[in-house]
Each structure stands twice: as structure tokens, then as C-alpha cells.
C-alpha atoms as a PDB file:
ATOM      1  CA  UNK A   1       0.000   0.000   0.000  1.00  0.00           C
ATOM      2  CA  UNK A   2       2.735   2.476   0.902  1.00  0.00           C
ATOM      3  CA  UNK A   3       4.993   2.231  -2.103  1.00  0.00           C
ATOM      4  CA  UNK A   4       7.746   4.765  -2.702  1.00  0.00           C
ATOM      5  CA  UNK A   5       5.744   6.208  -5.604  1.00  0.00           C
ATOM      6  CA  UNK A   6       2.576   6.562  -3.504  1.00  0.00           C
ATOM      7  CA  UNK A   7       4.338   8.307  -0.601  1.00  0.00           C
ATOM      8  CA  UNK A   8       6.313  10.560  -2.944  1.00  0.00           C
ATOM      9  CA  UNK A   9       3.179  11.677  -4.775  1.00  0.00           C
ATOM     10  CA  UNK A  10       1.292  12.196  -1.509  1.00  0.00           C
ATOM     11  CA  UNK A  11       4.051  14.401  -0.103  1.00  0.00           C
ATOM     12  CA  UNK A  12       4.371  16.363  -3.329  1.00  0.00           C
ATOM     13  CA  UNK A  13       0.610  17.000  -3.490  1.00  0.00           C
ATOM     14  CA  UNK A  14       0.666  18.165   0.119  1.00  0.00           C
ATOM     15  CA  UNK A  15       3.529  20.568  -0.560  1.00  0.00           C
ATOM     16  CA  UNK A  16       1.410  22.210  -3.250  1.00  0.00           C
ATOM     17  CA  UNK A  17      -1.699  22.169  -1.053  1.00  0.00           C
ATOM     18  CA  UNK A  18       0.016  23.919   1.843  1.00  0.00           C
ATOM     19  CA  UNK A  19       1.818  26.336  -0.484  1.00  0.00           C
ATOM     20  CA  UNK A  20      -1.535  27.437  -1.878  1.00  0.00           C
ATOM     21  CA  UNK A  21      -3.066  27.662   1.608  1.00  0.00           C
ATOM     22  CA  UNK A  22      -0.192  29.962   2.615  1.00  0.00           C
ATOM     23  CA  UNK A  23      -0.713  32.008  -0.539  1.00  0.00           C
ATOM     24  CA  UNK A  24       2.892  31.534  -1.681  1.00  0.00           C
ATOM     25  CA  UNK A  25       3.995  31.444  -5.273  1.00  0.00           C
ATOM     26  CA  UNK A  26       6.473  28.753  -6.280  1.00  0.00           C
ATOM     27  CA  UNK A  27       9.220  31.380  -6.190  1.00  0.00           C
ATOM     28  CA  UNK A  28       8.261  32.556  -2.701  1.00  0.00           C
ATOM     29  CA  UNK A  29       8.333  29.027  -1.327  1.00  0.00           C
ATOM     30  CA  UNK A  30      11.598  28.302  -3.112  1.00  0.00           C
ATOM     31  CA  UNK A  31      13.155  31.412  -1.579  1.00  0.00           C
ATOM     32  CA  UNK A  32      11.880  30.619   1.916  1.00  0.00           C
ATOM     33  CA  UNK A  33      13.020  26.983   1.745  1.00  0.00           C
ATOM     34  CA  UNK A  34      16.351  27.725   0.069  1.00  0.00           C
ATOM     35  CA  UNK A  35      15.756  26.001  -3.267  1.00  0.00           C
ATOM     36  CA  UNK A  36      15.441  27.127  -6.861  1.00  0.00           C
ATOM     37  CA  UNK A  37      12.161  27.851  -8.568  1.00  0.00           C
ATOM     38  CA  UNK A  38      12.894  25.052 -11.044  1.00  0.00           C
ATOM     39  CA  UNK A  39      13.432  22.494  -8.292  1.00  0.00           C
ATOM     40  CA  UNK A  40      10.179  23.436  -6.548  1.00  0.00           C
ATOM     41  CA  UNK A  41       8.307  23.365  -9.865  1.00  0.00           C
ATOM     42  CA  UNK A  42       9.652  19.903 -10.636  1.00  0.00           C
ATOM     43  CA  UNK A  43       8.868  18.731  -7.115  1.00  0.00           C
ATOM     44  CA  UNK A  44       5.214  19.728  -7.435  1.00  0.00           C
ATOM     45  CA  UNK A  45       4.894  18.342 -10.960  1.00  0.00           C
ATOM     46  CA  UNK A  46       3.834  14.703 -10.791  1.00  0.00           C
ATOM     47  CA  UNK A  47       5.151  14.288 -14.342  1.00  0.00           C
ATOM     48  CA  UNK A  48       8.737  14.628 -13.094  1.00  0.00           C
ATOM     49  CA  UNK A  49      10.120  11.792 -10.963  1.00  0.00           C
ATOM     50  CA  UNK A  50      11.454  13.568  -7.868  1.00  0.00           C
ATOM     51  CA  UNK A  51      11.732  12.142  -4.369  1.00  0.00           C
ATOM     52  CA  UNK A  52      12.808  14.773  -1.862  1.00  0.00           C
ATOM     53  CA  UNK A  53      15.101  13.889   1.042  1.00  0.00           C
ATOM     54  CA  UNK A  54      13.944  14.191   4.636  1.00  0.00           C
ATOM     55  CA  UNK A  55      16.177  17.244   5.003  1.00  0.00           C
ATOM     56  CA  UNK A  56      14.454  18.857   2.020  1.00  0.00           C
ATOM     57  CA  UNK A  57      11.029  18.057   3.470  1.00  0.00           C
ATOM     58  CA  UNK A  58      12.060  19.568   6.813  1.00  0.00           C
ATOM     59  CA  UNK A  59      13.180  22.766   5.060  1.00  0.00           C
ATOM     60  CA  UNK A  60       9.929  22.972   3.106  1.00  0.00           C
ATOM     61  CA  UNK A  61       7.804  22.290   6.199  1.00  0.00           C
ATOM     62  CA  UNK A  62       9.675  25.027   8.069  1.00  0.00           C
ATOM     63  CA  UNK A  63       9.112  27.436   5.174  1.00  0.00           C
ATOM     64  CA  UNK A  64       5.402  26.571   5.185  1.00  0.00           C
ATOM     65  CA  UNK A  65       5.299  26.840   9.000  1.00  0.00           C
ATOM     66  CA  UNK A  66       3.736  23.395   9.351  1.00  0.00           C
ATOM     67  CA  UNK A  67       4.769  20.194  11.076  1.00  0.00           C
ATOM     68  CA  UNK A  68       6.661  17.867   8.773  1.00  0.00           C
ATOM     69  CA  UNK A  69       4.165  15.060   9.484  1.00  0.00           C
ATOM     70  CA  UNK A  70       1.478  17.128   7.739  1.00  0.00           C
ATOM     71  CA  UNK A  71       3.243  16.480   4.447  1.00  0.00           C
ATOM     72  CA  UNK A  72       2.502  12.757   4.884  1.00  0.00           C
ATOM     73  CA  UNK A  73      -1.209  13.054   5.729  1.00  0.00           C
ATOM     74  CA  UNK A  74      -3.691  11.433   3.377  1.00  0.00           C
END
């Protein structure tokens, strides 16, 4: 049930969800998290195969001011 692909897509969808809730553009989130616009765009795009590290997820969660576990919620 919890394949790498499933968890990766879930996390990536949640990043976009919380970004939109915060009202951030991709560039704003990238700046706050310390990544490039292109990386954040690819991360949110389910067409690109990206699996962020736990460190990356922690940085993004901090930028979104949420608990990291929220990125894994279904």
C-alpha cells in the first residue's frame, strides 16, 4: 500500500496544497526553503520523478510553517 511512488506523490501533493493555503507562489516558497524555482516546480509536478530527502522536506515544512508530518497526511 505504501509504495515509494505513492508516498512521494502524496508528499508532493501536500507541498502544493500547503503552499496554496499559505498564498505563496512557487518562487516565494523556493526562496523561503532555500531552493530554486525550477526544483520546486519539478517537485510539485507529478510528471517529473522527484523524491525529496527528509532534510528537504524539513526545510519545506519550516518554510510553510507546518509540522513535517502534515506532508505525509492522506
